[in-house]
Amino acid sequence: MGLKVLLIERNKKVGVPVQCTGLFSHRIFELSGVSNKPLLNVVDKARFYSPNSQFLELKSRKPAYVFDRKQFDLELFGFAKKAGAEAKVGTSFLEYREKPGYLEVETSSGTFETKLLIGADGPNSSVAKAANIEVPQDLIVGYQETLHGDFNPDTVELWFGKGTAPEFFGWVVPISRDTARVGIGASKSAQAYFRKFAEKRLGTPLEKGTIEGGIIRRGLIKRSATERVMLVGDAACQVKPYSGGGVVYGLIGAKIVSNACFLSVKSGDFSEAFLTRHYDRQWKSQLSSGIRKGLLIDWLAHKSPDWTLNFGAAVSKKFKFLLESMDMDLI
């Protein structure tokens, strides 16, 4: 697009720490353009376990992919540099100041001038705070370890119930027959819930695995743009509320925000009204319906008593064909 881009990365190494299960839908290759290099496994089935350990197994018409998230990020970083972006790693955003015709952005590595500032800095976005953009307050802490055990390599497991994860679910994402990413989501005491779930699923004694985790912020943000500033990805809550997945939604948001940047610079209009029209409304036209439906699914799954989940699991088997035909990215 011919724009000068400076990418600021807080961490000294791209792709770490890993804060992702790395399970992506079939859209990942089309949206990201990455190679097969980060691909670890392909899954096409999911088992949904109710509190009484009954399960509903669904087979997807299109497979999902388990990625090495670090390698995935490194490829995307390489694309940005190849396209001409300058990058500063180990650099933190501190604040910005409005100046006539530009923003003055202060970082831990110096001060820079820019026409536009894009906050792609995660669920606790410093850019959102600096821009006084209100974000949803529904937070889930994800805790995950890569563990060894006996797994079905083509099947993801999702475990529900008040005793497992009162506000979310437990998951098992296989990398191979003997290795999987096992995790839990909770608003508090996530590690304690994880140990209980992992021991139930894998038995004891449980060996400690590679620890990964992060915060999931859920909800539909009221506004993701103000004058000269836009939020994208987790910073804009472009996240599936029922699963916490944000990469596919974030990539959709990234394509829209890049186009908005081009139009803004080309027209010389950096106003909130312009960015709202060409970015905020555009991404919401594609994703807000899925986010709202996801919030409803989350409410039904996690606010209901266990007996209704047990009943729902039994009844859902009658609608298996319909459920298997649903688009789990954009329902």
C-alpha atoms as a PDB file:
ATOM      1  CA  MET A   1       0.000   0.000   0.000  1.00  0.00           C
ATOM      2  CA  GLY A   2       3.038   2.264   0.107  1.00  0.00           C
ATOM      3  CA  LEU A   3       2.724   3.319   3.753  1.00  0.00           C
ATOM      4  CA  LYS A   4       5.637   3.608   6.160  1.00  0.00           C
ATOM      5  CA  VAL A   5       5.011   1.273   9.098  1.00  0.00           C
ATOM      6  CA  LEU A   6       6.794   0.984  12.439  1.00  0.00           C
ATOM      7  CA  LEU A   7       5.987  -2.191  14.367  1.00  0.00           C
ATOM      8  CA  ILE A   8       6.593  -1.997  18.123  1.00  0.00           C
ATOM      9  CA  GLU A   9       6.853  -5.337  19.968  1.00  0.00           C
ATOM     10  CA  ARG A  10       7.032  -5.320  23.760  1.00  0.00           C
ATOM     11  CA  ASN A  11       8.800  -8.678  24.027  1.00  0.00           C
ATOM     12  CA  LYS A  12      12.424  -9.148  23.039  1.00  0.00           C
ATOM     13  CA  LYS A  13      11.587 -12.245  20.990  1.00  0.00           C
ATOM     14  CA  VAL A  14       8.689 -12.516  18.551  1.00  0.00           C
ATOM     15  CA  GLY A  15       6.234 -15.328  19.315  1.00  0.00           C
ATOM     16  CA  VAL A  16       6.970 -15.659  23.032  1.00  0.00           C
ATOM     17  CA  PRO A  17       5.466 -16.018  25.503  1.00  0.00           C
ATOM     18  CA  VAL A  18       2.893 -18.281  23.850  1.00  0.00           C
ATOM     19  CA  GLN A  19      -0.636 -17.377  25.006  1.00  0.00           C
ATOM     20  CA  CYS A  20      -2.698 -19.483  22.636  1.00  0.00           C
ATOM     21  CA  THR A  21      -3.973 -23.033  22.191  1.00  0.00           C
ATOM     22  CA  GLY A  22      -3.013 -22.826  18.516  1.00  0.00           C
ATOM     23  CA  LEU A  23      -6.220 -24.439  17.236  1.00  0.00           C
ATOM     24  CA  PHE A  24      -7.403 -22.646  14.087  1.00  0.00           C
ATOM     25  CA  SER A  25     -10.202 -23.166  11.585  1.00  0.00           C
ATOM     26  CA  HIS A  26      -9.744 -23.908   7.883  1.00  0.00           C
ATOM     27  CA  ARG A  27      -9.712 -20.150   7.203  1.00  0.00           C
ATOM     28  CA  ILE A  28      -6.259 -19.711   8.743  1.00  0.00           C
ATOM     29  CA  PHE A  29      -4.235 -20.317   5.570  1.00  0.00           C
ATOM     30  CA  GLU A  30      -6.353 -18.033   3.387  1.00  0.00           C
ATOM     31  CA  LEU A  31      -6.373 -15.198   5.933  1.00  0.00           C
ATOM     32  CA  SER A  32      -2.736 -15.375   7.023  1.00  0.00           C
ATOM     33  CA  GLY A  33      -0.885 -16.664   3.969  1.00  0.00           C
ATOM     34  CA  VAL A  34       1.430 -18.797   6.129  1.00  0.00           C
ATOM     35  CA  SER A  35       3.052 -22.017   4.935  1.00  0.00           C
ATOM     36  CA  ASN A  36       2.592 -25.512   6.367  1.00  0.00           C
ATOM     37  CA  LYS A  37       5.753 -25.087   8.445  1.00  0.00           C
ATOM     38  CA  PRO A  38       3.944 -24.144  11.706  1.00  0.00           C
ATOM     39  CA  LEU A  39       1.407 -26.982  11.255  1.00  0.00           C
ATOM     40  CA  LEU A  40       1.641 -29.696  13.927  1.00  0.00           C
ATOM     41  CA  ASN A  41      -1.597 -31.653  13.557  1.00  0.00           C
ATOM     42  CA  VAL A  42      -4.932 -31.820  11.750  1.00  0.00           C
ATOM     43  CA  VAL A  43      -8.166 -32.576  13.626  1.00  0.00           C
ATOM     44  CA  ASP A  44     -11.648 -33.136  12.254  1.00  0.00           C
ATOM     45  CA  LYS A  45     -13.668 -34.210  15.287  1.00  0.00           C
ATOM     46  CA  ALA A  46     -14.690 -32.635  18.588  1.00  0.00           C
ATOM     47  CA  ARG A  47     -16.082 -34.310  21.690  1.00  0.00           C
ATOM     48  CA  PHE A  48     -18.266 -32.186  23.973  1.00  0.00           C
ATOM     49  CA  TYR A  49     -18.360 -33.696  27.467  1.00  0.00           C
ATOM     50  CA  SER A  50     -21.250 -32.898  29.808  1.00  0.00           C
ATOM     51  CA  PRO A  51     -20.806 -32.846  33.612  1.00  0.00           C
ATOM     52  CA  ASN A  52     -21.840 -36.512  33.889  1.00  0.00           C
ATOM     53  CA  SER A  53     -19.108 -37.427  31.333  1.00  0.00           C
ATOM     54  CA  GLN A  54     -21.547 -38.178  28.522  1.00  0.00           C
ATOM     55  CA  PHE A  55     -20.215 -36.837  25.259  1.00  0.00           C
ATOM     56  CA  LEU A  56     -21.451 -35.670  21.897  1.00  0.00           C
ATOM     57  CA  GLU A  57     -18.949 -36.257  19.080  1.00  0.00           C
ATOM     58  CA  LEU A  58     -19.178 -34.035  16.019  1.00  0.00           C
ATOM     59  CA  LYS A  59     -17.232 -34.496  12.794  1.00  0.00           C
ATOM     60  CA  SER A  60     -16.406 -31.277  10.958  1.00  0.00           C
ATOM     61  CA  ARG A  61     -16.903 -30.995   7.221  1.00  0.00           C
ATOM     62  CA  LYS A  62     -13.653 -29.033   7.095  1.00  0.00           C
ATOM     63  CA  PRO A  63     -10.652 -29.825   9.319  1.00  0.00           C
ATOM     64  CA  ALA A  64      -9.124 -27.619  11.976  1.00  0.00           C
ATOM     65  CA  TYR A  65      -5.394 -27.146  12.380  1.00  0.00           C
ATOM     66  CA  VAL A  66      -3.100 -27.278  15.401  1.00  0.00           C
ATOM     67  CA  PHE A  67      -0.233 -24.826  14.993  1.00  0.00           C
ATOM     68  CA  ASP A  68       3.091 -24.048  16.588  1.00  0.00           C
ATOM     69  CA  ARG A  69       2.065 -20.530  17.563  1.00  0.00           C
ATOM     70  CA  LYS A  70       5.628 -19.245  17.883  1.00  0.00           C
ATOM     71  CA  GLN A  71       6.476 -20.312  14.329  1.00  0.00           C
ATOM     72  CA  PHE A  72       3.170 -18.889  13.106  1.00  0.00           C
ATOM     73  CA  ASP A  73       3.985 -15.481  14.614  1.00  0.00           C
ATOM     74  CA  LEU A  74       7.511 -15.575  13.208  1.00  0.00           C
ATOM     75  CA  GLU A  75       6.162 -16.138   9.694  1.00  0.00           C
ATOM     76  CA  LEU A  76       3.754 -13.208  10.010  1.00  0.00           C
ATOM     77  CA  PHE A  77       6.579 -11.058  11.367  1.00  0.00           C
ATOM     78  CA  GLY A  78       8.667 -12.050   8.351  1.00  0.00           C
ATOM     79  CA  PHE A  79       5.851 -11.022   6.000  1.00  0.00           C
ATOM     80  CA  ALA A  80       5.688  -7.582   7.643  1.00  0.00           C
ATOM     81  CA  LYS A  81       9.437  -7.010   7.353  1.00  0.00           C
ATOM     82  CA  LYS A  82       9.489  -8.239   3.742  1.00  0.00           C
ATOM     83  CA  ALA A  83       6.712  -5.748   2.943  1.00  0.00           C
ATOM     84  CA  GLY A  84       8.904  -2.935   4.261  1.00  0.00           C
ATOM     85  CA  ALA A  85       7.809  -2.517   7.869  1.00  0.00           C
ATOM     86  CA  GLU A  86      10.439  -1.384  10.356  1.00  0.00           C
ATOM     87  CA  ALA A  87      10.368  -3.294  13.648  1.00  0.00           C
ATOM     88  CA  LYS A  88      11.562  -2.511  17.149  1.00  0.00           C
ATOM     89  CA  VAL A  89      11.459  -5.476  19.540  1.00  0.00           C
ATOM     90  CA  GLY A  90      11.827  -5.169  23.302  1.00  0.00           C
ATOM     91  CA  THR A  91      10.045  -1.830  23.028  1.00  0.00           C
ATOM     92  CA  SER A  92       7.011  -0.822  25.098  1.00  0.00           C
ATOM     93  CA  PHE A  93       4.363   1.745  24.200  1.00  0.00           C
ATOM     94  CA  LEU A  94       4.082   4.348  26.973  1.00  0.00           C
ATOM     95  CA  GLU A  95       1.754   7.126  25.827  1.00  0.00           C
ATOM     96  CA  TYR A  96       0.893   9.411  22.953  1.00  0.00           C
ATOM     97  CA  ARG A  97       0.307  13.133  22.626  1.00  0.00           C
ATOM     98  CA  GLU A  98      -1.806  14.898  20.035  1.00  0.00           C
ATOM     99  CA  LYS A  99       0.111  17.412  17.952  1.00  0.00           C
ATOM    100  CA  PRO A 100      -1.034  19.558  15.006  1.00  0.00           C
ATOM    101  CA  GLY A 101      -1.271  17.092  12.119  1.00  0.00           C
ATOM    102  CA  TYR A 102       0.226  14.041  13.850  1.00  0.00           C
ATOM    103  CA  LEU A 103       0.625  12.024  17.056  1.00  0.00           C
ATOM    104  CA  GLU A 104       3.776  11.982  19.143  1.00  0.00           C
ATOM    105  CA  VAL A 105       4.216   8.440  20.442  1.00  0.00           C
ATOM    106  CA  GLU A 106       6.468   7.840  23.425  1.00  0.00           C
ATOM    107  CA  THR A 107       8.027   4.394  23.814  1.00  0.00           C
ATOM    108  CA  SER A 108      10.753   2.816  25.918  1.00  0.00           C
ATOM    109  CA  SER A 109      13.057   3.181  22.888  1.00  0.00           C
ATOM    110  CA  GLY A 110      12.351   6.811  22.098  1.00  0.00           C
ATOM    111  CA  THR A 111       9.693   9.110  20.681  1.00  0.00           C
ATOM    112  CA  PHE A 112       8.174   8.780  17.207  1.00  0.00           C
ATOM    113  CA  GLU A 113       5.790  10.799  15.054  1.00  0.00           C
ATOM    114  CA  THR A 114       2.913   9.096  13.252  1.00  0.00           C
ATOM    115  CA  LYS A 115      -0.256   9.901  11.350  1.00  0.00           C
ATOM    116  CA  LEU A 116      -2.043   6.835  12.755  1.00  0.00           C
ATOM    117  CA  LEU A 117      -1.600   4.618  15.814  1.00  0.00           C
ATOM    118  CA  ILE A 118      -2.872   1.017  15.746  1.00  0.00           C
ATOM    119  CA  GLY A 119      -3.277  -0.753  19.086  1.00  0.00           C
ATOM    120  CA  ALA A 120      -2.749  -4.479  18.452  1.00  0.00           C
ATOM    121  CA  ASP A 121      -1.461  -4.916  21.992  1.00  0.00           C
ATOM    122  CA  GLY A 122      -3.750  -7.529  23.460  1.00  0.00           C
ATOM    123  CA  PRO A 123      -6.591  -7.737  25.980  1.00  0.00           C
ATOM    124  CA  ASN A 124      -4.964  -5.280  28.405  1.00  0.00           C
ATOM    125  CA  SER A 125      -4.250  -2.745  25.679  1.00  0.00           C
ATOM    126  CA  SER A 126      -2.124   0.221  26.750  1.00  0.00           C
ATOM    127  CA  VAL A 127      -3.220   2.047  23.598  1.00  0.00           C
ATOM    128  CA  ALA A 128      -6.889   1.646  24.587  1.00  0.00           C
ATOM    129  CA  LYS A 129      -6.137   3.115  28.015  1.00  0.00           C
ATOM    130  CA  ALA A 130      -4.200   6.033  26.516  1.00  0.00           C
ATOM    131  CA  ALA A 131      -7.049   6.741  24.079  1.00  0.00           C
ATOM    132  CA  ASN A 132      -9.706   6.476  26.828  1.00  0.00           C
ATOM    133  CA  ILE A 133     -11.509   3.734  24.905  1.00  0.00           C
ATOM    134  CA  GLU A 134     -13.778   1.720  27.187  1.00  0.00           C
ATOM    135  CA  VAL A 135     -13.402  -2.054  26.873  1.00  0.00           C
ATOM    136  CA  PRO A 136     -15.668  -4.903  28.119  1.00  0.00           C
ATOM    137  CA  GLN A 137     -14.843  -6.143  31.610  1.00  0.00           C
ATOM    138  CA  ASP A 138     -15.673  -9.847  31.222  1.00  0.00           C
ATOM    139  CA  LEU A 139     -12.287 -11.508  31.790  1.00  0.00           C
ATOM    140  CA  ILE A 140     -11.298 -15.171  31.723  1.00  0.00           C
ATOM    141  CA  VAL A 141      -7.826 -16.448  32.598  1.00  0.00           C
ATOM    142  CA  GLY A 142      -6.653 -19.303  30.407  1.00  0.00           C
ATOM    143  CA  TYR A 143      -4.131 -21.735  31.913  1.00  0.00           C
ATOM    144  CA  GLN A 144      -2.602 -24.447  29.752  1.00  0.00           C
ATOM    145  CA  GLU A 145       0.164 -27.045  29.882  1.00  0.00           C
ATOM    146  CA  THR A 146       1.541 -29.314  27.174  1.00  0.00           C
ATOM    147  CA  LEU A 147       1.277 -32.797  28.681  1.00  0.00           C
ATOM    148  CA  HIS A 148       1.985 -36.408  27.786  1.00  0.00           C
ATOM    149  CA  GLY A 149      -0.731 -39.051  27.886  1.00  0.00           C
ATOM    150  CA  ASP A 150      -3.046 -41.129  25.715  1.00  0.00           C
ATOM    151  CA  PHE A 151      -4.950 -38.985  23.195  1.00  0.00           C
ATOM    152  CA  ASN A 152      -6.960 -39.412  20.024  1.00  0.00           C
ATOM    153  CA  PRO A 153      -4.878 -37.382  17.545  1.00  0.00           C
ATOM    154  CA  ASP A 154      -7.821 -36.317  15.364  1.00  0.00           C
ATOM    155  CA  THR A 155     -10.203 -35.305  18.169  1.00  0.00           C
ATOM    156  CA  VAL A 156     -10.405 -32.155  20.301  1.00  0.00           C
ATOM    157  CA  GLU A 157     -12.065 -32.555  23.709  1.00  0.00           C
ATOM    158  CA  LEU A 158     -14.172 -29.876  25.454  1.00  0.00           C
ATOM    159  CA  TRP A 159     -15.269 -30.557  29.035  1.00  0.00           C
ATOM    160  CA  PHE A 160     -18.106 -28.611  30.678  1.00  0.00           C
ATOM    161  CA  GLY A 161     -19.539 -28.426  34.181  1.00  0.00           C
ATOM    162  CA  LYS A 162     -19.431 -26.454  37.412  1.00  0.00           C
ATOM    163  CA  GLY A 163     -16.853 -28.816  38.882  1.00  0.00           C
ATOM    164  CA  THR A 164     -14.611 -28.554  35.832  1.00  0.00           C
ATOM    165  CA  ALA A 165     -14.776 -24.870  34.877  1.00  0.00           C
ATOM    166  CA  PRO A 166     -17.747 -22.889  36.257  1.00  0.00           C
ATOM    167  CA  GLU A 167     -17.467 -20.035  33.733  1.00  0.00           C
ATOM    168  CA  PHE A 168     -15.708 -21.662  30.783  1.00  0.00           C
ATOM    169  CA  PHE A 169     -14.538 -25.199  29.951  1.00  0.00           C
ATOM    170  CA  GLY A 170     -11.585 -27.533  29.980  1.00  0.00           C
ATOM    171  CA  TRP A 171      -9.900 -28.509  26.726  1.00  0.00           C
ATOM    172  CA  VAL A 172      -7.614 -31.140  25.275  1.00  0.00           C
ATOM    173  CA  VAL A 173      -6.039 -30.239  21.918  1.00  0.00           C
ATOM    174  CA  PRO A 174      -3.930 -33.129  20.590  1.00  0.00           C
ATOM    175  CA  ILE A 175      -0.563 -32.576  18.959  1.00  0.00           C
ATOM    176  CA  SER A 176       0.005 -36.321  18.560  1.00  0.00           C
ATOM    177  CA  ARG A 177      -1.128 -39.612  20.108  1.00  0.00           C
ATOM    178  CA  ASP A 178       0.944 -38.987  23.227  1.00  0.00           C
ATOM    179  CA  THR A 179       1.092 -35.175  23.509  1.00  0.00           C
ATOM    180  CA  ALA A 180      -1.639 -32.561  23.894  1.00  0.00           C
ATOM    181  CA  ARG A 181      -2.292 -29.030  25.060  1.00  0.00           C
ATOM    182  CA  VAL A 182      -4.509 -29.373  28.113  1.00  0.00           C
ATOM    183  CA  GLY A 183      -6.090 -26.294  29.635  1.00  0.00           C
ATOM    184  CA  ILE A 184      -8.853 -24.596  31.557  1.00  0.00           C
ATOM    185  CA  GLY A 185     -10.488 -21.169  31.641  1.00  0.00           C
ATOM    186  CA  ALA A 186     -11.676 -19.445  34.827  1.00  0.00           C
ATOM    187  CA  SER A 187     -12.128 -15.935  36.199  1.00  0.00           C
ATOM    188  CA  LYS A 188     -10.089 -16.937  39.255  1.00  0.00           C
ATOM    189  CA  SER A 189      -8.141 -19.933  40.596  1.00  0.00           C
ATOM    190  CA  ALA A 190      -7.483 -21.136  37.042  1.00  0.00           C
ATOM    191  CA  GLN A 191      -4.416 -23.152  38.053  1.00  0.00           C
ATOM    192  CA  ALA A 192      -6.320 -24.983  40.800  1.00  0.00           C
ATOM    193  CA  TYR A 193      -9.149 -25.870  38.405  1.00  0.00           C
ATOM    194  CA  PHE A 194      -6.540 -26.983  35.877  1.00  0.00           C
ATOM    195  CA  ARG A 195      -4.841 -29.443  38.263  1.00  0.00           C
ATOM    196  CA  LYS A 196      -8.189 -30.976  39.177  1.00  0.00           C
ATOM    197  CA  PHE A 197      -9.261 -31.288  35.539  1.00  0.00           C
ATOM    198  CA  ALA A 198      -5.923 -32.597  34.257  1.00  0.00           C
ATOM    199  CA  GLU A 199      -5.743 -35.241  36.985  1.00  0.00           C
ATOM    200  CA  LYS A 200      -9.305 -36.323  36.185  1.00  0.00           C
ATOM    201  CA  ARG A 201      -8.502 -36.608  32.480  1.00  0.00           C
ATOM    202  CA  LEU A 202      -4.963 -38.032  32.678  1.00  0.00           C
ATOM    203  CA  GLY A 203      -4.781 -39.606  36.108  1.00  0.00           C
ATOM    204  CA  THR A 204      -2.160 -39.153  38.824  1.00  0.00           C
ATOM    205  CA  PRO A 205       0.644 -38.545  39.423  1.00  0.00           C
ATOM    206  CA  LEU A 206       0.619 -35.648  36.971  1.00  0.00           C
ATOM    207  CA  GLU A 207       3.937 -34.470  35.605  1.00  0.00           C
ATOM    208  CA  LYS A 208       4.290 -30.728  35.168  1.00  0.00           C
ATOM    209  CA  GLY A 209       4.346 -29.659  31.520  1.00  0.00           C
ATOM    210  CA  THR A 210       5.235 -26.530  29.570  1.00  0.00           C
ATOM    211  CA  ILE A 211       3.091 -23.741  31.024  1.00  0.00           C
ATOM    212  CA  GLU A 212       1.235 -21.286  28.802  1.00  0.00           C
ATOM    213  CA  GLY A 213      -1.619 -18.929  29.488  1.00  0.00           C
ATOM    214  CA  GLY A 214      -3.192 -15.558  29.035  1.00  0.00           C
ATOM    215  CA  ILE A 215      -6.222 -13.353  29.496  1.00  0.00           C
ATOM    216  CA  ILE A 216      -9.357 -13.552  27.353  1.00  0.00           C
ATOM    217  CA  ARG A 217     -11.469 -10.376  27.245  1.00  0.00           C
ATOM    218  CA  ARG A 218     -15.008 -11.011  25.979  1.00  0.00           C
ATOM    219  CA  GLY A 219     -17.778  -8.766  24.725  1.00  0.00           C
ATOM    220  CA  LEU A 220     -18.644  -6.349  21.931  1.00  0.00           C
ATOM    221  CA  ILE A 221     -16.596  -3.174  22.295  1.00  0.00           C
ATOM    222  CA  LYS A 222     -18.641   0.028  21.921  1.00  0.00           C
ATOM    223  CA  ARG A 223     -16.030   1.763  19.794  1.00  0.00           C
ATOM    224  CA  SER A 224     -12.672   0.644  18.471  1.00  0.00           C
ATOM    225  CA  ALA A 225     -11.611   3.923  16.876  1.00  0.00           C
ATOM    226  CA  THR A 226     -11.034   7.507  17.890  1.00  0.00           C
ATOM    227  CA  GLU A 227      -9.172  10.309  16.151  1.00  0.00           C
ATOM    228  CA  ARG A 228      -5.947   8.876  14.635  1.00  0.00           C
ATOM    229  CA  VAL A 229      -6.213   5.705  16.764  1.00  0.00           C
ATOM    230  CA  MET A 230      -7.684   2.253  16.058  1.00  0.00           C
ATOM    231  CA  LEU A 231      -7.690  -1.005  18.042  1.00  0.00           C
ATOM    232  CA  VAL A 232      -7.494  -4.444  16.444  1.00  0.00           C
ATOM    233  CA  GLY A 233      -7.412  -8.082  17.555  1.00  0.00           C
ATOM    234  CA  ASP A 234      -7.709  -8.858  21.263  1.00  0.00           C
ATOM    235  CA  ALA A 235      -7.370  -5.133  22.005  1.00  0.00           C
ATOM    236  CA  ALA A 236     -10.695  -4.617  20.180  1.00  0.00           C
ATOM    237  CA  CYS A 237     -12.258  -7.794  21.662  1.00  0.00           C
ATOM    238  CA  GLN A 238     -12.277  -9.432  18.231  1.00  0.00           C
ATOM    239  CA  VAL A 239     -12.640 -12.759  20.019  1.00  0.00           C
ATOM    240  CA  LYS A 240     -15.118 -15.644  19.911  1.00  0.00           C
ATOM    241  CA  PRO A 241     -16.735 -15.391  23.378  1.00  0.00           C
ATOM    242  CA  TYR A 242     -17.659 -19.076  23.682  1.00  0.00           C
ATOM    243  CA  SER A 243     -14.163 -20.388  22.920  1.00  0.00           C
ATOM    244  CA  GLY A 244     -11.799 -17.465  23.504  1.00  0.00           C
ATOM    245  CA  GLY A 245     -10.303 -17.887  20.018  1.00  0.00           C
ATOM    246  CA  GLY A 246      -9.124 -14.612  18.539  1.00  0.00           C
ATOM    247  CA  VAL A 247      -6.680 -15.302  15.708  1.00  0.00           C
ATOM    248  CA  VAL A 248      -9.183 -15.741  12.854  1.00  0.00           C
ATOM    249  CA  TYR A 249     -11.290 -12.772  14.008  1.00  0.00           C
ATOM    250  CA  GLY A 250      -8.123 -10.742  14.546  1.00  0.00           C
ATOM    251  CA  LEU A 251      -6.870 -11.478  11.029  1.00  0.00           C
ATOM    252  CA  ILE A 252     -10.210 -10.364   9.594  1.00  0.00           C
ATOM    253  CA  GLY A 253      -9.918  -7.175  11.657  1.00  0.00           C
ATOM    254  CA  ALA A 254      -6.320  -6.680  10.507  1.00  0.00           C
ATOM    255  CA  LYS A 255      -7.278  -6.722   6.828  1.00  0.00           C
ATOM    256  CA  ILE A 256     -10.004  -4.159   7.456  1.00  0.00           C
ATOM    257  CA  VAL A 257      -7.808  -1.886   9.583  1.00  0.00           C
ATOM    258  CA  SER A 258      -5.023  -1.938   6.980  1.00  0.00           C
ATOM    259  CA  ASN A 259      -7.484  -0.805   4.315  1.00  0.00           C
ATOM    260  CA  ALA A 260      -8.797   1.920   6.645  1.00  0.00           C
ATOM    261  CA  CYS A 261      -5.226   3.153   7.177  1.00  0.00           C
ATOM    262  CA  PHE A 262      -4.668   3.381   3.424  1.00  0.00           C
ATOM    263  CA  LEU A 263      -7.921   5.272   2.854  1.00  0.00           C
ATOM    264  CA  SER A 264      -7.238   7.595   5.784  1.00  0.00           C
ATOM    265  CA  VAL A 265      -3.744   8.546   4.606  1.00  0.00           C
ATOM    266  CA  LYS A 266      -4.870   8.848   0.987  1.00  0.00           C
ATOM    267  CA  SER A 267      -7.739  11.192   1.892  1.00  0.00           C
ATOM    268  CA  GLY A 268      -5.921  13.029   4.668  1.00  0.00           C
ATOM    269  CA  ASP A 269      -8.887  12.396   6.961  1.00  0.00           C
ATOM    270  CA  PHE A 270      -7.877  10.991  10.360  1.00  0.00           C
ATOM    271  CA  SER A 271     -11.065  11.902  12.229  1.00  0.00           C
ATOM    272  CA  GLU A 272     -12.965   9.547  14.499  1.00  0.00           C
ATOM    273  CA  ALA A 273     -15.952   9.745  12.145  1.00  0.00           C
ATOM    274  CA  PHE A 274     -13.862   8.625   9.146  1.00  0.00           C
ATOM    275  CA  LEU A 275     -12.134   5.785  11.006  1.00  0.00           C
ATOM    276  CA  THR A 276     -15.436   4.654  12.511  1.00  0.00           C
ATOM    277  CA  ARG A 277     -17.033   4.531   9.066  1.00  0.00           C
ATOM    278  CA  HIS A 278     -14.165   2.733   7.345  1.00  0.00           C
ATOM    279  CA  TYR A 279     -13.011   0.499  10.204  1.00  0.00           C
ATOM    280  CA  ASP A 280     -15.259   0.137  13.251  1.00  0.00           C
ATOM    281  CA  ARG A 281     -18.492  -0.309  11.300  1.00  0.00           C
ATOM    282  CA  GLN A 282     -16.820  -2.481   8.677  1.00  0.00           C
ATOM    283  CA  TRP A 283     -15.409  -5.103  11.028  1.00  0.00           C
ATOM    284  CA  LYS A 284     -18.567  -5.110  13.130  1.00  0.00           C
ATOM    285  CA  SER A 285     -20.658  -5.765  10.006  1.00  0.00           C
ATOM    286  CA  GLN A 286     -18.696  -9.015   9.625  1.00  0.00           C
ATOM    287  CA  LEU A 287     -18.059 -10.065  13.225  1.00  0.00           C
ATOM    288  CA  SER A 288     -20.581  -8.486  15.607  1.00  0.00           C
ATOM    289  CA  SER A 289     -23.296 -11.048  14.820  1.00  0.00           C
ATOM    290  CA  GLY A 290     -20.913 -13.899  15.627  1.00  0.00           C
ATOM    291  CA  ILE A 291     -19.795 -12.181  18.833  1.00  0.00           C
ATOM    292  CA  ARG A 292     -23.387 -11.613  19.998  1.00  0.00           C
ATOM    293  CA  LYS A 293     -24.361 -15.207  19.220  1.00  0.00           C
ATOM    294  CA  GLY A 294     -21.191 -16.384  20.929  1.00  0.00           C
ATOM    295  CA  LEU A 295     -22.116 -14.443  24.059  1.00  0.00           C
ATOM    296  CA  LEU A 296     -25.515 -16.166  24.050  1.00  0.00           C
ATOM    297  CA  ILE A 297     -23.908 -19.604  23.601  1.00  0.00           C
ATOM    298  CA  ASP A 298     -21.511 -18.808  26.438  1.00  0.00           C
ATOM    299  CA  TRP A 299     -24.386 -17.742  28.698  1.00  0.00           C
ATOM    300  CA  LEU A 300     -26.377 -20.896  27.941  1.00  0.00           C
ATOM    301  CA  ALA A 301     -23.373 -23.175  28.455  1.00  0.00           C
ATOM    302  CA  HIS A 302     -21.921 -21.638  31.593  1.00  0.00           C
ATOM    303  CA  LYS A 303     -24.873 -20.097  33.432  1.00  0.00           C
ATOM    304  CA  SER A 304     -27.022 -23.209  33.234  1.00  0.00           C
ATOM    305  CA  PRO A 305     -27.036 -25.786  36.057  1.00  0.00           C
ATOM    306  CA  ASP A 306     -25.244 -29.054  35.375  1.00  0.00           C
ATOM    307  CA  TRP A 307     -28.446 -31.054  34.966  1.00  0.00           C
ATOM    308  CA  THR A 308     -29.487 -28.918  31.982  1.00  0.00           C
ATOM    309  CA  LEU A 309     -26.079 -29.495  30.360  1.00  0.00           C
ATOM    310  CA  ASN A 310     -26.505 -33.248  30.861  1.00  0.00           C
ATOM    311  CA  PHE A 311     -29.978 -33.058  29.330  1.00  0.00           C
ATOM    312  CA  GLY A 312     -28.745 -30.854  26.489  1.00  0.00           C
ATOM    313  CA  ALA A 313     -25.947 -33.281  25.647  1.00  0.00           C
ATOM    314  CA  ALA A 314     -28.446 -36.126  25.357  1.00  0.00           C
ATOM    315  CA  VAL A 315     -30.934 -34.130  23.259  1.00  0.00           C
ATOM    316  CA  SER A 316     -28.225 -32.656  20.997  1.00  0.00           C
ATOM    317  CA  LYS A 317     -27.445 -36.107  19.601  1.00  0.00           C
ATOM    318  CA  LYS A 318     -30.758 -35.907  17.730  1.00  0.00           C
ATOM    319  CA  PHE A 319     -29.509 -32.764  15.948  1.00  0.00           C
ATOM    320  CA  LYS A 320     -25.987 -34.006  15.230  1.00  0.00           C
ATOM    321  CA  PHE A 321     -26.211 -33.484  11.456  1.00  0.00           C
ATOM    322  CA  LEU A 322     -27.369 -29.880  11.893  1.00  0.00           C
ATOM    323  CA  LEU A 323     -24.645 -29.111  14.428  1.00  0.00           C
ATOM    324  CA  GLU A 324     -21.967 -30.576  12.160  1.00  0.00           C
ATOM    325  CA  SER A 325     -23.037 -28.216   9.359  1.00  0.00           C
ATOM    326  CA  MET A 326     -22.638 -25.029  11.427  1.00  0.00           C
ATOM    327  CA  ASP A 327     -19.807 -22.561  10.810  1.00  0.00           C
ATOM    328  CA  MET A 328     -18.127 -22.332  14.201  1.00  0.00           C
ATOM    329  CA  ASP A 329     -16.207 -19.178  13.228  1.00  0.00           C
ATOM    330  CA  LEU A 330     -19.106 -17.010  12.199  1.00  0.00           C
ATOM    331  CA  ILE A 331     -22.294 -18.510  13.636  1.00  0.00           C
END
